[in-house]
Amino acid sequence: MEVFVNIKFGTDGWRGLIAEDFTFENVRICTQGLADFLGASGNTKGEFLVGFDTRFLSRNFAETVSTVLAGNGIKVNIANQPTPTPVISFNTLKRRAIGAVIITASHNPFDWNGLKIKMGYGGSPTEETMLELEKYISRVESVKIAPLSSPLINSFDPRMPYVDHISKFLDLSPIRNSQLNILCDPMFGAGSGYLPLILNGTKAHVSEIRNQINPAFPGMQQPEPVLDNLQRLSKLVVDQNANVGIAYDGDADRLGIIDENGDYISTLHVFSLLALYFLEVRKIKGPIIKSITSSDMLFRLGELYHVPVHETKIGFKHIGPVMLEKDALIGGEESGGYGYRGHIPERDGILSSLLFLDFMIKLEMSPAKLIKYLHNKVGEH
């Protein structure tokens, strides 16, 4: 079988243009290479999870992955709905699965799709593992395919195990009793409905915009929670007198914050605030892992609270392994993705937003005042 594209995994999976690089045939080849890799390592006993986002054909691509894994004798559980990447990653860890494949191109433009692989520990493979996997993919000559009706393929609902875990990781009662007015923009992505699921029915009020499934991602270049894409959220925060605006990218592993004045808070400040939250409010210490492009404010926090700060290359495939190795308190990067000890060594925009809300409540400060509080600690940046 001829491989039509040289499948390479970047900082977070393999991505390509739909129908040009990212095709059903190439997804089958990639999955067969994964199955061959698992077989060679003797790691086929147990289940493999498959998730997908809201992009064009994502569910169909996920079903294609499932049929190839099943064709190789691997049990598959596929999510029953579009699901955020961190939710699948957590379920992989919780269920002690072999690993997971997630069909998503994260924050790329609408005409892209992609494939992320997660290991049994809920994080991305190491760079060495990905290079080895690419070798297996390049050697694929034939693909084994089972029917979608195979008894090896089942579906599952990943939501409540994740929500139950979040409720244990963080005492949600202060947020639920806070009467905060929260605006959330999931950007037509897989994070739609999660913040209301966790907080609605409480005193906190959550309203969502752009929460329908729309693979065209209208009104934005790509579903990325950056300033240019959050103009509507910014205006609505002011118009509706909201306390904060929260935005997720297409697969909800990244977070964007709009303060009460409608101003965008940089990801460098959000990362530093989340680190400060653990050190100052929760009185928990541990190493901080940052990519080389993240803020030097973290070094200052490390000095103030006597915790080490380690730098890595860009990409959570570099940050995650160091988090595990160092038993890190928090790891993050400048793109707005943050992971935490006791959760998964992977980015989680949903949990990050809840931690930010808890910080606001515990210090009784608005987002803008939290920035001033941070600057009083580390200086203006």
Protein backbone atom coordinates (compact mmCIF):
# COMPACT_ATOMS: atom_id res chain seq x y z
CA MET A 1 0.00 0.00 0.00
CA GLU A 2 1.34 3.40 -0.98
CA VAL A 3 1.35 6.02 1.76
CA PHE A 4 0.06 9.20 0.09
CA VAL A 5 1.42 11.58 2.69
CA ASN A 6 4.49 11.49 4.87
CA ILE A 7 2.67 11.30 8.20
CA LYS A 8 4.59 13.25 10.82
CA PHE A 9 3.53 14.17 14.34
CA GLY A 10 4.19 17.76 15.36
CA THR A 11 3.98 19.40 18.77
CA ASP A 12 0.54 17.87 19.32
CA GLY A 13 -0.36 15.13 16.88
CA TRP A 14 -0.70 14.81 13.11
CA ARG A 15 -2.76 17.43 11.30
CA GLY A 16 -3.55 18.07 7.67
CA LEU A 17 -6.00 19.55 5.19
CA ILE A 18 -9.17 17.50 4.90
CA ALA A 19 -9.32 15.56 1.60
CA GLU A 20 -5.73 16.51 0.72
CA ASP A 21 -3.54 15.13 3.50
CA PHE A 22 -6.10 14.13 6.09
CA THR A 23 -8.03 11.45 4.21
CA PHE A 24 -9.80 8.27 5.26
CA GLU A 25 -7.07 6.19 3.63
CA ASN A 26 -4.29 8.01 5.44
CA VAL A 27 -6.18 7.76 8.74
CA ARG A 28 -6.43 3.99 8.17
CA ILE A 29 -2.70 3.80 7.43
CA CYS A 30 -1.85 5.85 10.51
CA THR A 31 -4.08 3.69 12.71
CA GLN A 32 -2.65 0.46 11.28
CA GLY A 33 0.83 1.74 12.09
CA LEU A 34 -0.35 2.45 15.63
CA ALA A 35 -1.80 -1.07 15.90
CA ASP A 36 1.46 -2.58 14.61
CA PHE A 37 3.40 -0.51 17.13
CA LEU A 38 1.15 -1.67 19.97
CA GLY A 39 1.44 -5.27 18.85
CA ALA A 40 5.22 -5.11 18.69
CA SER A 41 5.34 -3.72 22.22
CA GLY A 42 2.90 -6.34 23.52
CA ASN A 43 0.44 -3.64 24.54
CA THR A 44 -2.86 -4.82 23.06
CA LYS A 45 -4.55 -6.28 26.15
CA GLY A 46 -7.25 -3.94 27.35
CA GLU A 47 -9.29 -1.24 25.65
CA PHE A 48 -8.40 1.71 23.46
CA LEU A 49 -10.51 4.88 23.65
CA VAL A 50 -11.46 6.95 20.62
CA GLY A 51 -12.77 10.51 20.79
CA PHE A 52 -13.58 13.26 18.30
CA ASP A 53 -14.39 16.96 18.15
CA THR A 54 -17.03 18.96 16.24
CA ARG A 55 -15.11 19.32 12.98
CA PHE A 56 -16.30 18.19 9.56
CA LEU A 57 -16.30 14.35 9.39
CA SER A 58 -14.62 13.99 12.80
CA ARG A 59 -17.11 11.33 13.94
CA ASN A 60 -16.61 9.44 10.66
CA PHE A 61 -12.83 9.57 11.01
CA ALA A 62 -13.17 8.33 14.60
CA GLU A 63 -15.27 5.41 13.41
CA THR A 64 -12.60 4.66 10.80
CA VAL A 65 -9.95 4.54 13.52
CA SER A 66 -12.18 2.21 15.54
CA THR A 67 -12.65 -0.26 12.67
CA VAL A 68 -8.90 -0.54 12.07
CA LEU A 69 -8.08 -1.03 15.75
CA ALA A 70 -10.82 -3.67 15.98
CA GLY A 71 -9.50 -5.27 12.80
CA ASN A 72 -6.28 -5.82 14.70
CA GLY A 73 -8.08 -7.45 17.61
CA ILE A 74 -8.03 -4.41 19.89
CA LYS A 75 -11.10 -3.58 21.98
CA VAL A 76 -12.39 -0.08 21.29
CA ASN A 77 -14.65 2.28 23.21
CA ILE A 78 -15.66 5.30 21.15
CA ALA A 79 -17.16 8.43 22.71
CA ASN A 80 -20.88 8.82 22.06
CA GLN A 81 -20.61 12.55 21.27
CA PRO A 82 -18.02 15.23 20.45
CA THR A 83 -15.73 15.37 23.47
CA PRO A 84 -12.94 17.69 24.67
CA THR A 85 -9.44 16.26 24.42
CA PRO A 86 -8.78 16.54 28.20
CA VAL A 87 -11.98 14.60 28.93
CA ILE A 88 -10.82 11.70 26.75
CA SER A 89 -7.33 11.95 28.24
CA PHE A 90 -8.74 11.73 31.76
CA ASN A 91 -10.97 8.77 30.88
CA THR A 92 -7.92 7.01 29.44
CA LEU A 93 -6.21 7.29 32.82
CA LYS A 94 -9.35 6.54 34.83
CA ARG A 95 -10.26 3.42 32.86
CA ARG A 96 -6.65 2.23 32.69
CA ALA A 97 -6.96 2.03 28.94
CA ILE A 98 -4.05 1.22 26.66
CA GLY A 99 -4.32 4.69 25.22
CA ALA A 100 -6.55 6.90 23.11
CA VAL A 101 -6.90 8.40 19.67
CA ILE A 102 -8.68 11.75 19.39
CA ILE A 103 -9.77 13.13 16.04
CA THR A 104 -9.23 16.88 16.33
CA ALA A 105 -7.23 19.67 14.76
CA SER A 106 -7.57 21.70 17.95
CA HIS A 107 -7.35 25.40 16.98
CA ASN A 108 -6.49 24.98 13.29
CA PRO A 109 -8.74 26.47 10.54
CA PHE A 110 -12.03 24.78 9.66
CA ASP A 111 -10.69 22.85 6.66
CA TRP A 112 -8.12 20.99 8.75
CA ASN A 113 -8.46 17.90 10.88
CA GLY A 114 -6.02 15.85 12.88
CA LEU A 115 -5.24 12.88 15.04
CA LYS A 116 -3.87 13.02 18.57
CA ILE A 117 -2.58 10.01 20.47
CA LYS A 118 -2.68 9.74 24.26
CA MET A 119 -0.93 7.15 26.37
CA GLY A 120 -2.34 5.18 29.29
CA TYR A 121 -1.15 7.85 31.74
CA GLY A 122 -3.45 10.39 30.05
CA GLY A 123 -0.75 12.40 28.32
CA SER A 124 1.00 12.67 24.99
CA PRO A 125 3.66 10.16 23.93
CA THR A 126 7.29 11.14 24.34
CA GLU A 127 9.17 12.41 21.31
CA GLU A 128 11.06 9.10 21.16
CA THR A 129 7.80 7.14 21.14
CA MET A 130 6.39 9.29 18.35
CA LEU A 131 9.48 8.81 16.20
CA GLU A 132 9.20 5.05 16.66
CA LEU A 133 5.50 5.16 15.81
CA GLU A 134 6.22 7.11 12.62
CA LYS A 135 8.54 4.28 11.52
CA TYR A 136 5.74 1.74 11.91
CA ILE A 137 3.36 3.98 9.97
CA SER A 138 5.84 4.37 7.11
CA ARG A 139 6.14 0.57 6.83
CA VAL A 140 2.40 -0.17 6.55
CA GLU A 141 1.65 -2.35 3.51
CA SER A 142 -1.91 -3.44 4.25
CA VAL A 143 -4.69 -2.46 6.63
CA LYS A 144 -6.89 -4.78 8.68
CA ILE A 145 -10.47 -3.53 8.97
CA ALA A 146 -13.39 -4.83 11.03
CA PRO A 147 -17.01 -3.76 10.46
CA LEU A 148 -18.32 -0.95 12.65
CA SER A 149 -20.77 -3.52 14.04
CA SER A 150 -17.87 -5.60 15.42
CA PRO A 151 -18.40 -6.74 19.04
CA LEU A 152 -14.95 -5.27 19.74
CA ILE A 153 -16.37 -1.77 19.16
CA ASN A 154 -18.55 -0.20 21.85
CA SER A 155 -19.48 3.36 22.83
CA PHE A 156 -19.31 5.18 26.15
CA ASP A 157 -20.31 8.49 27.72
CA PRO A 158 -17.12 10.20 28.96
CA ARG A 159 -18.75 13.17 30.70
CA MET A 160 -19.66 12.14 34.25
CA PRO A 161 -16.41 10.33 35.18
CA TYR A 162 -14.64 13.56 34.27
CA VAL A 163 -17.09 15.80 36.15
CA ASP A 164 -16.93 13.55 39.22
CA HIS A 165 -13.14 13.76 39.21
CA ILE A 166 -13.16 17.55 38.82
CA SER A 167 -15.51 17.76 41.82
CA LYS A 168 -12.93 15.87 43.88
CA PHE A 169 -9.92 17.75 42.53
CA LEU A 170 -11.54 21.10 43.35
CA ASP A 171 -14.20 21.92 45.93
CA LEU A 172 -16.76 23.49 43.62
CA SER A 173 -19.10 24.75 46.35
CA PRO A 174 -17.56 28.26 46.53
CA ILE A 175 -18.10 28.71 42.78
CA ARG A 176 -21.58 27.19 42.88
CA ASN A 177 -22.59 29.54 45.72
CA SER A 178 -20.87 32.61 44.30
CA GLN A 179 -23.62 34.24 42.19
CA LEU A 180 -20.95 34.98 39.58
CA ASN A 181 -22.20 35.97 36.14
CA ILE A 182 -20.02 33.95 33.76
CA LEU A 183 -20.01 34.16 29.97
CA CYS A 184 -18.49 31.19 28.15
CA ASP A 185 -17.47 30.95 24.48
CA PRO A 186 -16.65 27.36 23.43
CA MET A 187 -16.16 28.62 19.85
CA PHE A 188 -18.46 25.99 18.29
CA GLY A 189 -16.12 23.35 19.70
CA ALA A 190 -16.20 20.23 21.82
CA GLY A 191 -16.21 22.20 25.08
CA SER A 192 -19.82 23.26 24.52
CA GLY A 193 -22.03 22.45 27.48
CA TYR A 194 -19.34 21.48 29.97
CA LEU A 195 -19.30 24.60 32.16
CA PRO A 196 -23.13 24.63 32.34
CA LEU A 197 -23.09 20.90 33.10
CA ILE A 198 -20.77 21.53 36.05
CA LEU A 199 -22.27 24.79 37.37
CA ASN A 200 -25.88 25.21 36.22
CA GLY A 201 -28.57 24.62 38.82
CA THR A 202 -26.44 26.53 41.31
CA LYS A 203 -26.25 30.20 42.32
CA ALA A 204 -23.57 30.80 39.69
CA HIS A 205 -25.01 31.82 36.32
CA VAL A 206 -23.37 30.50 33.15
CA SER A 207 -24.36 31.67 29.67
CA GLU A 208 -22.80 30.24 26.51
CA ILE A 209 -22.37 31.80 23.10
CA ARG A 210 -21.32 30.01 19.89
CA ASN A 211 -22.21 26.69 21.52
CA GLN A 212 -23.80 25.01 18.49
CA ILE A 213 -22.00 22.44 16.38
CA ASN A 214 -20.82 24.33 13.31
CA PRO A 215 -17.74 22.88 11.56
CA ALA A 216 -17.30 26.11 9.56
CA PHE A 217 -16.40 28.04 12.76
CA PRO A 218 -18.04 31.21 11.35
CA GLY A 219 -16.81 34.61 12.43
CA MET A 220 -13.23 33.55 13.14
CA GLN A 221 -10.09 32.47 11.32
CA GLN A 222 -9.84 29.41 13.53
CA PRO A 223 -11.28 28.28 16.91
CA GLU A 224 -8.43 29.73 18.95
CA PRO A 225 -9.12 31.78 22.12
CA VAL A 226 -6.99 34.78 21.18
CA LEU A 227 -7.94 38.46 21.20
CA ASP A 228 -8.96 38.73 17.52
CA ASN A 229 -11.44 35.86 17.90
CA LEU A 230 -12.98 37.05 21.18
CA GLN A 231 -14.35 40.46 20.20
CA ARG A 232 -17.97 39.35 20.59
CA LEU A 233 -17.29 37.79 23.99
CA SER A 234 -15.49 40.95 25.07
CA LYS A 235 -18.44 43.15 24.10
CA LEU A 236 -21.00 40.88 25.74
CA VAL A 237 -19.05 40.75 29.01
CA VAL A 238 -19.39 44.54 29.24
CA ASP A 239 -22.96 44.72 27.91
CA GLN A 240 -24.23 42.01 30.27
CA ASN A 241 -22.19 43.18 33.26
CA ALA A 242 -20.54 39.76 33.51
CA ASN A 243 -17.82 39.08 36.05
CA VAL A 244 -15.62 37.22 33.57
CA GLY A 245 -15.53 35.81 30.06
CA ILE A 246 -14.15 32.32 29.46
CA ALA A 247 -13.23 30.84 26.08
CA TYR A 248 -12.00 27.42 24.97
CA ASP A 249 -10.39 26.37 21.71
CA GLY A 250 -11.88 23.73 19.41
CA ASP A 251 -11.06 20.76 21.63
CA ALA A 252 -11.16 22.67 24.94
CA ASP A 253 -7.59 22.03 26.01
CA ARG A 254 -6.74 25.75 25.86
CA LEU A 255 -8.18 28.68 27.79
CA GLY A 256 -8.74 32.35 27.08
CA ILE A 257 -9.90 34.91 29.68
CA ILE A 258 -11.71 38.24 29.24
CA ASP A 259 -11.79 40.45 32.34
CA GLU A 260 -14.82 42.36 33.65
CA ASN A 261 -13.85 45.40 31.57
CA GLY A 262 -13.86 43.42 28.33
CA ASP A 263 -10.07 43.31 28.16
CA TYR A 264 -8.21 40.19 27.07
CA ILE A 265 -5.82 38.74 29.68
CA SER A 266 -2.66 37.40 28.08
CA THR A 267 -1.94 33.69 28.44
CA LEU A 268 1.36 34.58 30.11
CA HIS A 269 -0.57 36.31 32.89
CA VAL A 270 -3.14 33.51 33.14
CA PHE A 271 -0.38 30.90 33.55
CA SER A 272 1.29 32.99 36.25
CA LEU A 273 -2.04 33.56 38.03
CA LEU A 274 -2.83 29.84 38.06
CA ALA A 275 0.60 29.08 39.50
CA LEU A 276 0.09 31.81 42.12
CA TYR A 277 -3.34 30.35 42.94
CA PHE A 278 -1.81 27.03 43.98
CA LEU A 279 1.11 28.61 45.83
CA GLU A 280 -0.81 31.38 47.61
CA VAL A 281 -4.39 30.17 48.01
CA ARG A 282 -4.13 26.40 48.17
CA LYS A 283 -0.72 26.47 49.87
CA ILE A 284 0.53 23.65 47.63
CA LYS A 285 4.11 23.65 46.43
CA GLY A 286 5.93 21.81 43.70
CA PRO A 287 7.96 22.38 40.54
CA ILE A 288 6.61 24.58 37.76
CA ILE A 289 7.22 23.43 34.19
CA LYS A 290 7.15 26.07 31.45
CA SER A 291 8.00 26.17 27.76
CA ILE A 292 10.87 28.43 26.76
CA THR A 293 8.46 31.04 25.41
CA SER A 294 6.44 31.35 28.63
CA SER A 295 6.72 34.29 30.99
CA ASP A 296 9.65 35.08 33.27
CA MET A 297 7.02 35.96 35.89
CA LEU A 298 7.11 32.25 36.72
CA PHE A 299 10.79 32.44 37.63
CA ARG A 300 9.96 35.28 40.03
CA LEU A 301 7.16 33.22 41.59
CA GLY A 302 9.60 30.34 41.94
CA GLU A 303 11.99 32.61 43.85
CA LEU A 304 9.25 34.02 46.08
CA TYR A 305 7.77 30.65 47.02
CA HIS A 306 10.98 28.61 46.88
CA VAL A 307 9.91 26.20 44.16
CA PRO A 308 11.98 25.14 41.14
CA VAL A 309 11.00 26.26 37.65
CA HIS A 310 12.03 24.08 34.70
CA GLU A 311 12.00 25.06 31.02
CA THR A 312 11.28 22.75 28.09
CA LYS A 313 10.94 22.95 24.33
CA ILE A 314 7.61 24.18 22.94
CA GLY A 315 4.77 21.67 23.03
CA PHE A 316 3.08 19.65 25.73
CA LYS A 317 4.72 16.49 24.42
CA HIS A 318 7.85 17.98 26.04
CA ILE A 319 6.14 19.48 29.10
CA GLY A 320 4.06 16.43 30.09
CA PRO A 321 6.95 13.97 30.56
CA VAL A 322 8.84 16.51 32.70
CA MET A 323 5.71 17.04 34.79
CA LEU A 324 5.62 13.31 35.49
CA GLU A 325 9.37 13.09 36.11
CA LYS A 326 9.46 16.06 38.51
CA ASP A 327 6.01 15.48 40.09
CA ALA A 328 5.27 19.04 39.01
CA LEU A 329 2.59 21.22 40.53
CA ILE A 330 1.66 22.82 37.22
CA GLY A 331 2.90 22.81 33.65
CA GLY A 332 1.96 25.19 30.88
CA GLU A 333 2.80 26.98 27.70
CA GLU A 334 2.24 30.35 26.09
CA SER A 335 -0.60 29.07 23.88
CA GLY A 336 -2.97 28.90 26.87
CA GLY A 337 -2.71 25.23 27.83
CA TYR A 338 -2.09 24.21 31.45
CA GLY A 339 -1.90 20.85 33.24
CA TYR A 340 -1.88 19.94 36.94
CA ARG A 341 -0.55 17.38 39.39
CA GLY A 342 -3.27 14.99 40.53
CA HIS A 343 -5.12 15.36 37.23
CA ILE A 344 -3.46 14.52 33.90
CA PRO A 345 -0.08 15.59 32.48
CA GLU A 346 -1.99 17.31 29.71
CA ARG A 347 -3.66 20.64 28.98
CA ASP A 348 -7.19 21.16 30.26
CA GLY A 349 -9.03 24.37 29.48
CA ILE A 350 -12.16 23.40 31.42
CA LEU A 351 -10.40 22.67 34.71
CA SER A 352 -8.19 25.72 34.22
CA SER A 353 -11.25 27.96 33.94
CA LEU A 354 -12.70 26.54 37.17
CA LEU A 355 -9.41 27.12 38.99
CA PHE A 356 -9.39 30.72 37.75
CA LEU A 357 -12.95 31.22 39.01
CA ASP A 358 -11.99 29.77 42.38
CA PHE A 359 -9.05 32.19 42.58
CA MET A 360 -11.42 35.11 41.97
CA ILE A 361 -13.73 33.92 44.74
CA LYS A 362 -11.08 33.04 47.31
CA LEU A 363 -9.43 36.46 47.05
CA GLU A 364 -12.72 38.28 46.37
CA MET A 365 -11.11 39.95 43.37
CA SER A 366 -12.17 40.60 39.81
CA PRO A 367 -9.86 39.40 37.01
CA ALA A 368 -8.43 42.91 36.58
CA LYS A 369 -7.68 43.12 40.31
CA LEU A 370 -6.02 39.70 40.17
CA ILE A 371 -3.63 41.10 37.56
CA LYS A 372 -2.73 43.98 39.89
CA TYR A 373 -2.30 41.49 42.72
CA LEU A 374 0.08 39.46 40.56
CA HIS A 375 2.05 42.55 39.54
CA ASN A 376 2.44 43.52 43.19
CA LYS A 377 4.16 40.15 43.65
CA VAL A 378 6.34 39.92 40.56
CA GLY A 379 6.42 43.44 39.12
CA GLU A 380 4.85 44.80 35.94
CA HIS A 381 5.25 42.63 32.84
